[in-house]
Amino acid sequence: MAKKDQVGNAFDNLLGPEKKQKGQDDRDYKSIGIALMNDQIERIDEISEKIGYNRSELVRFAIDEFIKRYESGEIRTATETQTVTVLKSD
């Protein structure tokens, strides 16, 4: 499990310290509503309490991580195909 300082460093690297310190009037993000399952919310709350970030910061971190992994090719869309060789035995 990631430690608070490890996640904090990764979070700061993704968002930059300037975003975290902006006031509400000059923030560069927009609030949206998302639907989560109750168990997801509970787990997010547990993790955010352990690492010292609020729910919103943790979800932004998770979204940034997803985007980074998607853009690097680590996560592919379901419509992409691969050639698979199947060995057949008689």
N, C-alpha and C. Protein backbone atom coordinates (compact mmCIF):
# COMPACT_ATOMS: atom_id res chain seq x y z
N MET A 1 0.84 -1.17 0.00
CA MET A 1 0.00 0.00 0.00
C MET A 1 0.89 1.24 0.00
N ALA A 2 0.47 2.22 -0.75
CA ALA A 2 1.24 3.46 -0.86
C ALA A 2 1.17 4.24 0.45
N LYS A 3 2.26 4.83 0.79
CA LYS A 3 2.33 5.68 1.99
C LYS A 3 1.89 7.08 1.64
N LYS A 4 1.50 7.84 2.66
CA LYS A 4 0.99 9.20 2.45
C LYS A 4 1.97 10.06 1.68
N ASP A 5 3.26 10.00 2.04
CA ASP A 5 4.23 10.85 1.35
C ASP A 5 4.44 10.43 -0.10
N GLN A 6 4.35 9.11 -0.39
CA GLN A 6 4.49 8.65 -1.77
C GLN A 6 3.33 9.14 -2.63
N VAL A 7 2.11 8.98 -2.12
CA VAL A 7 0.95 9.44 -2.86
C VAL A 7 0.96 10.95 -2.94
N GLY A 8 1.35 11.61 -1.86
CA GLY A 8 1.42 13.07 -1.86
C GLY A 8 2.38 13.58 -2.92
N ASN A 9 3.56 12.96 -3.01
CA ASN A 9 4.53 13.38 -4.03
C ASN A 9 3.99 13.15 -5.43
N ALA A 10 3.38 11.96 -5.65
CA ALA A 10 2.81 11.67 -6.96
C ALA A 10 1.69 12.64 -7.28
N PHE A 11 0.87 12.94 -6.30
CA PHE A 11 -0.24 13.87 -6.49
C PHE A 11 0.28 15.26 -6.83
N ASP A 12 1.27 15.73 -6.09
CA ASP A 12 1.85 17.05 -6.37
C ASP A 12 2.51 17.08 -7.74
N ASN A 13 3.15 15.96 -8.14
CA ASN A 13 3.77 15.91 -9.46
C ASN A 13 2.74 15.99 -10.57
N LEU A 14 1.58 15.36 -10.35
CA LEU A 14 0.53 15.39 -11.37
C LEU A 14 -0.17 16.74 -11.43
N LEU A 15 -0.53 17.28 -10.28
CA LEU A 15 -1.31 18.51 -10.26
C LEU A 15 -0.45 19.75 -10.10
N GLY A 16 0.70 19.59 -9.50
CA GLY A 16 1.55 20.73 -9.22
C GLY A 16 1.09 21.43 -7.97
N PRO A 17 2.02 21.90 -7.17
CA PRO A 17 1.66 22.55 -5.92
C PRO A 17 0.84 23.82 -6.11
N GLU A 18 0.98 24.47 -7.27
CA GLU A 18 0.23 25.71 -7.49
C GLU A 18 -1.27 25.46 -7.58
N LYS A 19 -1.69 24.33 -8.11
CA LYS A 19 -3.11 24.04 -8.21
C LYS A 19 -3.71 23.75 -6.84
N LYS A 20 -2.94 23.07 -6.01
CA LYS A 20 -3.44 22.71 -4.70
C LYS A 20 -3.61 23.94 -3.81
N GLN A 21 -2.87 24.99 -4.05
CA GLN A 21 -2.89 26.13 -3.16
C GLN A 21 -3.78 27.27 -3.65
N LYS A 22 -4.38 27.15 -4.81
CA LYS A 22 -5.23 28.22 -5.31
C LYS A 22 -6.49 28.33 -4.47
N GLY A 23 -6.99 29.53 -4.36
CA GLY A 23 -8.24 29.75 -3.64
C GLY A 23 -9.42 29.38 -4.51
N GLN A 24 -10.60 29.32 -3.92
CA GLN A 24 -11.79 28.93 -4.66
C GLN A 24 -12.12 29.87 -5.80
N ASP A 25 -11.88 31.14 -5.64
CA ASP A 25 -12.25 32.10 -6.67
C ASP A 25 -11.38 32.00 -7.91
N ASP A 26 -10.15 31.54 -7.77
CA ASP A 26 -9.25 31.47 -8.92
C ASP A 26 -8.87 30.04 -9.27
N ARG A 27 -9.69 29.07 -8.89
CA ARG A 27 -9.39 27.68 -9.18
C ARG A 27 -9.50 27.42 -10.68
N ASP A 28 -8.73 26.45 -11.15
CA ASP A 28 -8.73 26.15 -12.56
C ASP A 28 -9.40 24.81 -12.84
N TYR A 29 -10.36 24.45 -12.04
CA TYR A 29 -11.13 23.23 -12.27
C TYR A 29 -12.60 23.53 -12.10
N LYS A 30 -13.43 22.57 -12.54
CA LYS A 30 -14.87 22.74 -12.52
C LYS A 30 -15.48 21.53 -11.83
N SER A 31 -16.44 21.74 -10.97
CA SER A 31 -17.11 20.65 -10.28
C SER A 31 -18.07 19.94 -11.23
N ILE A 32 -18.09 18.61 -11.13
CA ILE A 32 -19.05 17.79 -11.87
C ILE A 32 -19.60 16.75 -10.91
N GLY A 33 -20.73 16.21 -11.24
CA GLY A 33 -21.30 15.13 -10.43
C GLY A 33 -21.01 13.79 -11.08
N ILE A 34 -20.63 12.82 -10.28
CA ILE A 34 -20.44 11.46 -10.80
C ILE A 34 -21.17 10.51 -9.87
N ALA A 35 -21.65 9.41 -10.42
CA ALA A 35 -22.35 8.41 -9.62
C ALA A 35 -21.37 7.30 -9.26
N LEU A 36 -21.25 7.04 -7.98
CA LEU A 36 -20.38 5.97 -7.49
C LEU A 36 -21.20 5.02 -6.64
N MET A 37 -20.77 3.79 -6.58
CA MET A 37 -21.41 2.80 -5.70
C MET A 37 -21.05 3.14 -4.26
N ASN A 38 -21.91 2.77 -3.34
CA ASN A 38 -21.67 3.05 -1.92
C ASN A 38 -20.34 2.49 -1.44
N ASP A 39 -19.99 1.26 -1.89
CA ASP A 39 -18.71 0.68 -1.45
C ASP A 39 -17.52 1.44 -2.02
N GLN A 40 -17.67 2.03 -3.20
CA GLN A 40 -16.60 2.84 -3.76
C GLN A 40 -16.40 4.11 -2.93
N ILE A 41 -17.50 4.73 -2.55
CA ILE A 41 -17.42 5.94 -1.74
C ILE A 41 -16.79 5.65 -0.39
N GLU A 42 -17.21 4.55 0.23
CA GLU A 42 -16.63 4.17 1.52
C GLU A 42 -15.13 3.94 1.41
N ARG A 43 -14.71 3.25 0.35
CA ARG A 43 -13.28 2.95 0.17
C ARG A 43 -12.50 4.23 -0.10
N ILE A 44 -13.04 5.12 -0.93
CA ILE A 44 -12.38 6.40 -1.20
C ILE A 44 -12.22 7.19 0.09
N ASP A 45 -13.26 7.20 0.91
CA ASP A 45 -13.19 7.92 2.18
C ASP A 45 -12.13 7.32 3.11
N GLU A 46 -12.04 5.98 3.15
CA GLU A 46 -11.02 5.32 3.98
C GLU A 46 -9.61 5.69 3.50
N ILE A 47 -9.41 5.61 2.19
CA ILE A 47 -8.09 5.91 1.63
C ILE A 47 -7.74 7.38 1.83
N SER A 48 -8.69 8.27 1.59
CA SER A 48 -8.40 9.69 1.74
C SER A 48 -8.04 10.04 3.17
N GLU A 49 -8.68 9.38 4.12
CA GLU A 49 -8.35 9.62 5.53
C GLU A 49 -6.93 9.13 5.84
N LYS A 50 -6.55 7.99 5.27
CA LYS A 50 -5.21 7.43 5.52
C LYS A 50 -4.11 8.29 4.93
N ILE A 51 -4.35 8.84 3.73
CA ILE A 51 -3.27 9.57 3.06
C ILE A 51 -3.34 11.08 3.27
N GLY A 52 -4.41 11.56 3.87
CA GLY A 52 -4.47 12.97 4.23
C GLY A 52 -4.96 13.91 3.15
N TYR A 53 -5.63 13.39 2.14
CA TYR A 53 -6.24 14.23 1.12
C TYR A 53 -7.75 14.09 1.20
N ASN A 54 -8.49 15.11 0.77
CA ASN A 54 -9.94 14.97 0.79
C ASN A 54 -10.41 14.15 -0.41
N ARG A 55 -11.68 13.81 -0.40
CA ARG A 55 -12.25 12.95 -1.44
C ARG A 55 -12.03 13.53 -2.84
N SER A 56 -12.25 14.82 -2.99
CA SER A 56 -12.11 15.46 -4.29
C SER A 56 -10.67 15.37 -4.81
N GLU A 57 -9.71 15.64 -3.94
CA GLU A 57 -8.30 15.56 -4.35
C GLU A 57 -7.94 14.13 -4.76
N LEU A 58 -8.43 13.16 -4.01
CA LEU A 58 -8.12 11.76 -4.32
C LEU A 58 -8.72 11.34 -5.65
N VAL A 59 -9.95 11.75 -5.92
CA VAL A 59 -10.59 11.39 -7.19
C VAL A 59 -9.88 12.07 -8.35
N ARG A 60 -9.47 13.34 -8.20
CA ARG A 60 -8.70 14.02 -9.26
C ARG A 60 -7.39 13.29 -9.52
N PHE A 61 -6.73 12.84 -8.45
CA PHE A 61 -5.50 12.08 -8.61
C PHE A 61 -5.77 10.80 -9.41
N ALA A 62 -6.84 10.08 -9.06
CA ALA A 62 -7.16 8.83 -9.74
C ALA A 62 -7.46 9.08 -11.22
N ILE A 63 -8.17 10.15 -11.53
CA ILE A 63 -8.48 10.49 -12.92
C ILE A 63 -7.19 10.82 -13.69
N ASP A 64 -6.32 11.61 -13.07
CA ASP A 64 -5.04 11.94 -13.72
C ASP A 64 -4.22 10.69 -13.98
N GLU A 65 -4.20 9.76 -13.03
CA GLU A 65 -3.47 8.50 -13.21
C GLU A 65 -4.06 7.70 -14.36
N PHE A 66 -5.38 7.62 -14.43
CA PHE A 66 -6.03 6.91 -15.51
C PHE A 66 -5.66 7.52 -16.86
N ILE A 67 -5.76 8.84 -16.96
CA ILE A 67 -5.44 9.52 -18.23
C ILE A 67 -3.99 9.26 -18.62
N LYS A 68 -3.09 9.35 -17.65
CA LYS A 68 -1.67 9.11 -17.93
C LYS A 68 -1.45 7.69 -18.45
N ARG A 69 -2.08 6.72 -17.80
CA ARG A 69 -1.93 5.31 -18.22
C ARG A 69 -2.58 5.07 -19.57
N TYR A 70 -3.72 5.68 -19.83
CA TYR A 70 -4.40 5.53 -21.11
C TYR A 70 -3.55 6.11 -22.23
N GLU A 71 -3.03 7.33 -22.03
CA GLU A 71 -2.24 7.98 -23.06
C GLU A 71 -0.91 7.27 -23.32
N SER A 72 -0.39 6.57 -22.33
CA SER A 72 0.86 5.84 -22.52
C SER A 72 0.64 4.50 -23.23
N GLY A 73 -0.63 4.11 -23.41
CA GLY A 73 -0.92 2.85 -24.07
C GLY A 73 -1.09 1.69 -23.11
N GLU A 74 -0.92 1.94 -21.83
CA GLU A 74 -1.07 0.87 -20.84
C GLU A 74 -2.52 0.38 -20.77
N ILE A 75 -3.47 1.27 -21.01
CA ILE A 75 -4.89 0.93 -21.04
C ILE A 75 -5.37 1.15 -22.47
N ARG A 76 -5.97 0.12 -23.04
CA ARG A 76 -6.45 0.20 -24.42
C ARG A 76 -7.97 0.12 -24.44
N THR A 77 -8.54 0.65 -25.49
CA THR A 77 -10.00 0.58 -25.63
C THR A 77 -10.40 -0.84 -26.01
N ALA A 78 -11.63 -1.20 -25.71
CA ALA A 78 -12.13 -2.54 -25.99
C ALA A 78 -12.23 -2.81 -27.49
N THR A 79 -12.27 -1.77 -28.31
CA THR A 79 -12.41 -1.96 -29.75
C THR A 79 -11.07 -2.29 -30.42
N GLU A 80 -9.97 -2.11 -29.72
CA GLU A 80 -8.68 -2.48 -30.29
C GLU A 80 -8.57 -4.00 -30.30
N THR A 81 -7.94 -4.52 -31.32
CA THR A 81 -7.82 -5.97 -31.44
C THR A 81 -6.37 -6.38 -31.49
N GLN A 82 -6.14 -7.63 -31.13
CA GLN A 82 -4.82 -8.22 -31.21
C GLN A 82 -4.93 -9.53 -31.98
N THR A 83 -3.86 -9.90 -32.67
CA THR A 83 -3.81 -11.19 -33.31
C THR A 83 -3.36 -12.21 -32.29
N VAL A 84 -4.13 -13.27 -32.17
CA VAL A 84 -3.82 -14.32 -31.21
C VAL A 84 -3.59 -15.60 -31.97
N THR A 85 -2.47 -16.26 -31.69
CA THR A 85 -2.18 -17.55 -32.30
C THR A 85 -2.65 -18.64 -31.37
N VAL A 86 -3.47 -19.53 -31.89
CA VAL A 86 -3.98 -20.64 -31.08
C VAL A 86 -3.33 -21.92 -31.56
N LEU A 87 -2.77 -22.65 -30.63
CA LEU A 87 -2.18 -23.94 -30.97
C LEU A 87 -3.26 -25.00 -30.91
N LYS A 88 -3.32 -25.82 -31.97
CA LYS A 88 -4.36 -26.83 -32.07
C LYS A 88 -3.71 -28.20 -31.99
N SER A 89 -4.29 -29.06 -31.18
CA SER A 89 -3.79 -30.42 -31.11
C SER A 89 -4.87 -31.38 -31.57
N ASP A 90 -4.45 -32.48 -32.23
CA ASP A 90 -5.43 -33.46 -32.73
C ASP A 90 -5.85 -34.45 -31.69
